[in-house]
Every structure is written in C-alpha cells, then in structure tokens.
C-alpha cells in the first residue's frame, strides 16, 4: 500500500505507477486526491474480458514418488498460443486444485501448447486443439509426459 511506503522508495514509485495505469477510463484520467494520512483511494481496476467461448479441463494424474498420491495440487498449468495461428498472442495460466484438477474457461479456440513450465524442463509439452464453442478434456499423465510424447521438441530447454 502506498500509505505504508516511503515516498522516495522504489516500491512506492512502482506501486504509484501501477495504480495510475489501473484507473478506469471512466475516471477523470488521474487518480483521486490523497485522503487523510496521504492514503490514496482504491482504484477502479480495468477488467480484461476474455473473448473466447471454449474451455480446456483435466486432471494431473502423476506421482513424483513411487506409491505417492496420484495428483499434484497447486501446480501451474500454462496454455500458450501456437505461432502463426489465430492463438498466437493467447496466454493463459491456472493452478490445479487440491485434487489436481485444472480448468481454462472462456478461451479462444485454436491450437495451443499445454505445459507445466514456461522455463526449465517441463513434465508435459503437448499440442492441444481447442475447438471454438466446445470444452476439451485432457488429463496430464505419465502416458503423455515428455518422456513418451513431446509435441514441441524444438523448444526443449
């Protein structure tokens, strides 16, 4: 919070810049004046509406240790558009829930790379074709990990 930072600090300047960028176009274009104690009123955050009508969901069924639990909770799953396709600029990230389930909602239909890493060695690197207006199911298992199937070997780290 700006009220708790020293005005000369780098953190204060970064937060103030971020807040200024987050103001809704409906405002006068500048943040409201500081209130008592120098605190700034909370901003109206710009909401980015997803325009897609498709979905992708599944479960991570993997055990990193023999006999371990067959799912990974709170793991990041990344869905990245494939270059030179309608999804080129699309990027989505979700976390699995306590039972290893993930779900991407309201995404643009088309081809994607599905992975659990954006840097370093991933466990999965799959090409997924998401059909517009439909939900697609894909579980992440040892059977479709990069040791068995790597749809994007040219991007290997």
C-alpha atoms as a PDB file:
ATOM      1  CA  UNK A   1       0.000   0.000   0.000  1.00  0.00           C
ATOM      2  CA  UNK A   2       1.152   3.470  -0.759  1.00  0.00           C
ATOM      3  CA  UNK A   3       0.211   4.675   2.708  1.00  0.00           C
ATOM      4  CA  UNK A   4       2.821   2.345   4.226  1.00  0.00           C
ATOM      5  CA  UNK A   5       5.726   3.070   1.872  1.00  0.00           C
ATOM      6  CA  UNK A   6       8.276   5.846   1.964  1.00  0.00           C
ATOM      7  CA  UNK A   7       7.560   8.231  -0.975  1.00  0.00           C
ATOM      8  CA  UNK A   8      11.233   8.181  -2.012  1.00  0.00           C
ATOM      9  CA  UNK A   9      11.389   4.365  -2.200  1.00  0.00           C
ATOM     10  CA  UNK A  10      11.459   2.417  -5.445  1.00  0.00           C
ATOM     11  CA  UNK A  11       8.487   0.341  -4.203  1.00  0.00           C
ATOM     12  CA  UNK A  12       6.378   3.484  -3.696  1.00  0.00           C
ATOM     13  CA  UNK A  13       7.151   4.758  -7.205  1.00  0.00           C
ATOM     14  CA  UNK A  14       6.401   1.341  -8.782  1.00  0.00           C
ATOM     15  CA  UNK A  15       3.107   0.984  -6.887  1.00  0.00           C
ATOM     16  CA  UNK A  16       2.050   4.528  -7.735  1.00  0.00           C
ATOM     17  CA  UNK A  17       2.813   3.931 -11.416  1.00  0.00           C
ATOM     18  CA  UNK A  18       0.856   0.657 -11.388  1.00  0.00           C
ATOM     19  CA  UNK A  19      -2.129   2.324  -9.715  1.00  0.00           C
ATOM     20  CA  UNK A  20      -2.090   5.172 -12.218  1.00  0.00           C
ATOM     21  CA  UNK A  21      -2.191   2.663 -15.082  1.00  0.00           C
ATOM     22  CA  UNK A  22      -5.063   0.773 -13.431  1.00  0.00           C
ATOM     23  CA  UNK A  23      -7.541   3.677 -13.322  1.00  0.00           C
ATOM     24  CA  UNK A  24     -10.699   3.151 -15.302  1.00  0.00           C
ATOM     25  CA  UNK A  25     -11.149   5.300 -18.419  1.00  0.00           C
ATOM     26  CA  UNK A  26     -14.410   6.476 -16.799  1.00  0.00           C
ATOM     27  CA  UNK A  27     -12.396   8.491 -14.265  1.00  0.00           C
ATOM     28  CA  UNK A  28     -11.012  11.907 -14.995  1.00  0.00           C
ATOM     29  CA  UNK A  29      -7.749  10.374 -16.127  1.00  0.00           C
ATOM     30  CA  UNK A  30      -5.918  10.990 -12.878  1.00  0.00           C
ATOM     31  CA  UNK A  31      -6.085   9.287  -9.500  1.00  0.00           C
ATOM     32  CA  UNK A  32      -8.211  10.940  -6.807  1.00  0.00           C
ATOM     33  CA  UNK A  33      -6.506  13.250  -4.381  1.00  0.00           C
ATOM     34  CA  UNK A  34      -4.879  11.685  -1.356  1.00  0.00           C
ATOM     35  CA  UNK A  35      -7.119  11.442   1.687  1.00  0.00           C
ATOM     36  CA  UNK A  36      -6.209  11.810   5.326  1.00  0.00           C
ATOM     37  CA  UNK A  37      -2.770  10.475   6.102  1.00  0.00           C
ATOM     38  CA  UNK A  38      -1.728  10.624   2.449  1.00  0.00           C
ATOM     39  CA  UNK A  39      -3.579   7.415   1.519  1.00  0.00           C
ATOM     40  CA  UNK A  40      -4.934   7.172  -1.990  1.00  0.00           C
ATOM     41  CA  UNK A  41      -8.484   5.943  -2.603  1.00  0.00           C
ATOM     42  CA  UNK A  42      -8.652   2.422  -4.048  1.00  0.00           C
ATOM     43  CA  UNK A  43      -8.521   2.353  -7.836  1.00  0.00           C
ATOM     44  CA  UNK A  44     -11.147   1.091 -10.203  1.00  0.00           C
ATOM     45  CA  UNK A  45      -9.228  -1.768 -11.768  1.00  0.00           C
ATOM     46  CA  UNK A  46      -9.529  -2.334 -15.500  1.00  0.00           C
ATOM     47  CA  UNK A  47     -11.116  -5.707 -16.154  1.00  0.00           C
ATOM     48  CA  UNK A  48      -9.870  -7.623 -19.168  1.00  0.00           C
ATOM     49  CA  UNK A  49     -12.761  -9.633 -20.570  1.00  0.00           C
ATOM     50  CA  UNK A  50     -11.841 -12.923 -22.165  1.00  0.00           C
ATOM     51  CA  UNK A  51     -13.422 -13.198 -25.564  1.00  0.00           C
ATOM     52  CA  UNK A  52     -13.269 -16.931 -26.193  1.00  0.00           C
ATOM     53  CA  UNK A  53     -16.114 -19.398 -25.863  1.00  0.00           C
ATOM     54  CA  UNK A  54     -14.092 -22.599 -25.466  1.00  0.00           C
ATOM     55  CA  UNK A  55     -12.658 -24.450 -22.494  1.00  0.00           C
ATOM     56  CA  UNK A  56      -9.974 -26.963 -21.593  1.00  0.00           C
ATOM     57  CA  UNK A  57     -10.021 -29.016 -18.427  1.00  0.00           C
ATOM     58  CA  UNK A  58      -8.482 -32.119 -16.928  1.00  0.00           C
ATOM     59  CA  UNK A  59      -6.610 -33.602 -14.021  1.00  0.00           C
ATOM     60  CA  UNK A  60      -2.931 -34.023 -13.309  1.00  0.00           C
ATOM     61  CA  UNK A  61      -2.611 -37.723 -12.501  1.00  0.00           C
ATOM     62  CA  UNK A  62       1.032 -38.066 -11.630  1.00  0.00           C
ATOM     63  CA  UNK A  63       3.054 -39.207  -8.684  1.00  0.00           C
ATOM     64  CA  UNK A  64       6.552 -37.845  -8.311  1.00  0.00           C
ATOM     65  CA  UNK A  65       7.371 -40.672  -5.911  1.00  0.00           C
ATOM     66  CA  UNK A  66       6.559 -44.400  -6.101  1.00  0.00           C
ATOM     67  CA  UNK A  67       3.292 -45.101  -4.293  1.00  0.00           C
ATOM     68  CA  UNK A  68       2.720 -41.380  -3.818  1.00  0.00           C
ATOM     69  CA  UNK A  69      -0.545 -39.518  -4.378  1.00  0.00           C
ATOM     70  CA  UNK A  70      -1.773 -39.682  -7.999  1.00  0.00           C
ATOM     71  CA  UNK A  71      -2.268 -35.933  -8.387  1.00  0.00           C
ATOM     72  CA  UNK A  72      -0.406 -32.710  -7.988  1.00  0.00           C
ATOM     73  CA  UNK A  73      -2.153 -29.884  -6.176  1.00  0.00           C
ATOM     74  CA  UNK A  74      -1.466 -26.194  -6.759  1.00  0.00           C
ATOM     75  CA  UNK A  75       0.680 -26.830  -9.838  1.00  0.00           C
ATOM     76  CA  UNK A  76       0.721 -24.157 -12.533  1.00  0.00           C
ATOM     77  CA  UNK A  77      -0.517 -25.220 -15.960  1.00  0.00           C
ATOM     78  CA  UNK A  78       0.239 -22.955 -18.927  1.00  0.00           C
ATOM     79  CA  UNK A  79      -1.665 -22.722 -22.191  1.00  0.00           C
ATOM     80  CA  UNK A  80       0.226 -20.774 -24.856  1.00  0.00           C
ATOM     81  CA  UNK A  81      -0.897 -19.982 -28.390  1.00  0.00           C
ATOM     82  CA  UNK A  82       0.991 -21.547 -31.273  1.00  0.00           C
ATOM     83  CA  UNK A  83       2.901 -19.076 -33.506  1.00  0.00           C
ATOM     84  CA  UNK A  84       1.365 -18.127 -36.858  1.00  0.00           C
ATOM     85  CA  UNK A  85      -2.136 -19.276 -35.849  1.00  0.00           C
ATOM     86  CA  UNK A  86      -5.198 -17.406 -34.529  1.00  0.00           C
ATOM     87  CA  UNK A  87      -3.978 -18.151 -30.976  1.00  0.00           C
ATOM     88  CA  UNK A  88      -0.508 -16.622 -31.435  1.00  0.00           C
ATOM     89  CA  UNK A  89      -0.998 -13.928 -28.767  1.00  0.00           C
ATOM     90  CA  UNK A  90      -3.078 -16.023 -26.342  1.00  0.00           C
ATOM     91  CA  UNK A  91      -1.577 -16.974 -22.953  1.00  0.00           C
ATOM     92  CA  UNK A  92      -3.410 -18.452 -20.000  1.00  0.00           C
ATOM     93  CA  UNK A  93      -2.205 -19.830 -16.670  1.00  0.00           C
ATOM     94  CA  UNK A  94      -4.166 -21.649 -13.975  1.00  0.00           C
ATOM     95  CA  UNK A  95      -3.307 -23.670 -10.879  1.00  0.00           C
ATOM     96  CA  UNK A  96      -4.563 -27.131 -10.154  1.00  0.00           C
ATOM     97  CA  UNK A  97      -6.895 -27.515  -7.190  1.00  0.00           C
ATOM     98  CA  UNK A  98      -6.380 -29.765  -4.168  1.00  0.00           C
ATOM     99  CA  UNK A  99      -7.253 -32.829  -6.264  1.00  0.00           C
ATOM    100  CA  UNK A 100      -5.064 -31.953  -9.233  1.00  0.00           C
ATOM    101  CA  UNK A 101      -7.861 -30.615 -11.461  1.00  0.00           C
ATOM    102  CA  UNK A 102      -7.345 -27.650 -13.777  1.00  0.00           C
ATOM    103  CA  UNK A 103      -9.700 -25.669 -15.981  1.00  0.00           C
ATOM    104  CA  UNK A 104      -9.254 -22.940 -18.569  1.00  0.00           C
ATOM    105  CA  UNK A 105     -12.516 -21.097 -19.249  1.00  0.00           C
ATOM    106  CA  UNK A 106     -13.579 -18.686 -21.987  1.00  0.00           C
ATOM    107  CA  UNK A 107     -10.507 -19.199 -24.140  1.00  0.00           C
ATOM    108  CA  UNK A 108     -10.171 -18.600 -27.862  1.00  0.00           C
ATOM    109  CA  UNK A 109     -10.473 -21.766 -29.942  1.00  0.00           C
ATOM    110  CA  UNK A 110      -7.436 -22.987 -31.860  1.00  0.00           C
ATOM    111  CA  UNK A 111      -4.090 -24.717 -31.356  1.00  0.00           C
ATOM    112  CA  UNK A 112      -2.121 -24.357 -28.116  1.00  0.00           C
ATOM    113  CA  UNK A 113       0.922 -25.664 -26.309  1.00  0.00           C
ATOM    114  CA  UNK A 114      -0.027 -27.069 -22.884  1.00  0.00           C
ATOM    115  CA  UNK A 115       2.816 -27.299 -20.387  1.00  0.00           C
ATOM    116  CA  UNK A 116       3.559 -27.141 -16.698  1.00  0.00           C
ATOM    117  CA  UNK A 117       6.587 -24.886 -17.218  1.00  0.00           C
ATOM    118  CA  UNK A 118       7.467 -21.707 -19.088  1.00  0.00           C
ATOM    119  CA  UNK A 119      11.157 -22.120 -18.230  1.00  0.00           C
ATOM    120  CA  UNK A 120      13.200 -25.175 -17.358  1.00  0.00           C
ATOM    121  CA  UNK A 121      12.407 -28.784 -18.135  1.00  0.00           C
ATOM    122  CA  UNK A 122       8.649 -29.444 -18.229  1.00  0.00           C
ATOM    123  CA  UNK A 123       6.886 -32.706 -17.485  1.00  0.00           C
ATOM    124  CA  UNK A 124       4.394 -32.088 -20.339  1.00  0.00           C
ATOM    125  CA  UNK A 125       4.655 -30.221 -23.621  1.00  0.00           C
ATOM    126  CA  UNK A 126       1.545 -31.087 -25.615  1.00  0.00           C
ATOM    127  CA  UNK A 127      -0.164 -29.642 -28.665  1.00  0.00           C
ATOM    128  CA  UNK A 128      -3.874 -29.257 -27.961  1.00  0.00           C
ATOM    129  CA  UNK A 129      -6.537 -28.290 -30.492  1.00  0.00           C
ATOM    130  CA  UNK A 130      -9.357 -26.496 -28.670  1.00  0.00           C
ATOM    131  CA  UNK A 131     -12.499 -26.292 -30.754  1.00  0.00           C
ATOM    132  CA  UNK A 132     -14.406 -22.988 -30.596  1.00  0.00           C
ATOM    133  CA  UNK A 133     -17.613 -23.260 -28.578  1.00  0.00           C
ATOM    134  CA  UNK A 134     -16.650 -26.591 -27.007  1.00  0.00           C
ATOM    135  CA  UNK A 135     -14.923 -27.858 -23.887  1.00  0.00           C
ATOM    136  CA  UNK A 136     -11.996 -30.223 -24.362  1.00  0.00           C
ATOM    137  CA  UNK A 137     -10.832 -32.735 -21.733  1.00  0.00           C
ATOM    138  CA  UNK A 138      -7.174 -33.685 -21.337  1.00  0.00           C
ATOM    139  CA  UNK A 139      -5.657 -35.390 -18.300  1.00  0.00           C
ATOM    140  CA  UNK A 140      -1.919 -34.984 -17.755  1.00  0.00           C
ATOM    141  CA  UNK A 141      -0.461 -38.416 -17.009  1.00  0.00           C
ATOM    142  CA  UNK A 142       2.826 -40.314 -17.319  1.00  0.00           C
ATOM    143  CA  UNK A 143       1.472 -41.633 -20.637  1.00  0.00           C
ATOM    144  CA  UNK A 144       1.567 -38.189 -22.278  1.00  0.00           C
ATOM    145  CA  UNK A 145       4.600 -36.743 -20.471  1.00  0.00           C
ATOM    146  CA  UNK A 146       7.636 -35.601 -22.497  1.00  0.00           C
ATOM    147  CA  UNK A 147       9.357 -38.937 -21.859  1.00  0.00           C
ATOM    148  CA  UNK A 148       6.650 -40.519 -24.055  1.00  0.00           C
ATOM    149  CA  UNK A 149       5.354 -37.614 -26.166  1.00  0.00           C
ATOM    150  CA  UNK A 150       6.903 -34.202 -26.839  1.00  0.00           C
ATOM    151  CA  UNK A 151       4.918 -32.177 -29.367  1.00  0.00           C
ATOM    152  CA  UNK A 152       7.335 -29.225 -29.264  1.00  0.00           C
ATOM    153  CA  UNK A 153      10.850 -30.738 -29.173  1.00  0.00           C
ATOM    154  CA  UNK A 154      12.359 -27.664 -30.879  1.00  0.00           C
ATOM    155  CA  UNK A 155      11.546 -25.637 -27.750  1.00  0.00           C
ATOM    156  CA  UNK A 156      13.345 -28.085 -25.448  1.00  0.00           C
ATOM    157  CA  UNK A 157      15.466 -26.409 -22.819  1.00  0.00           C
END
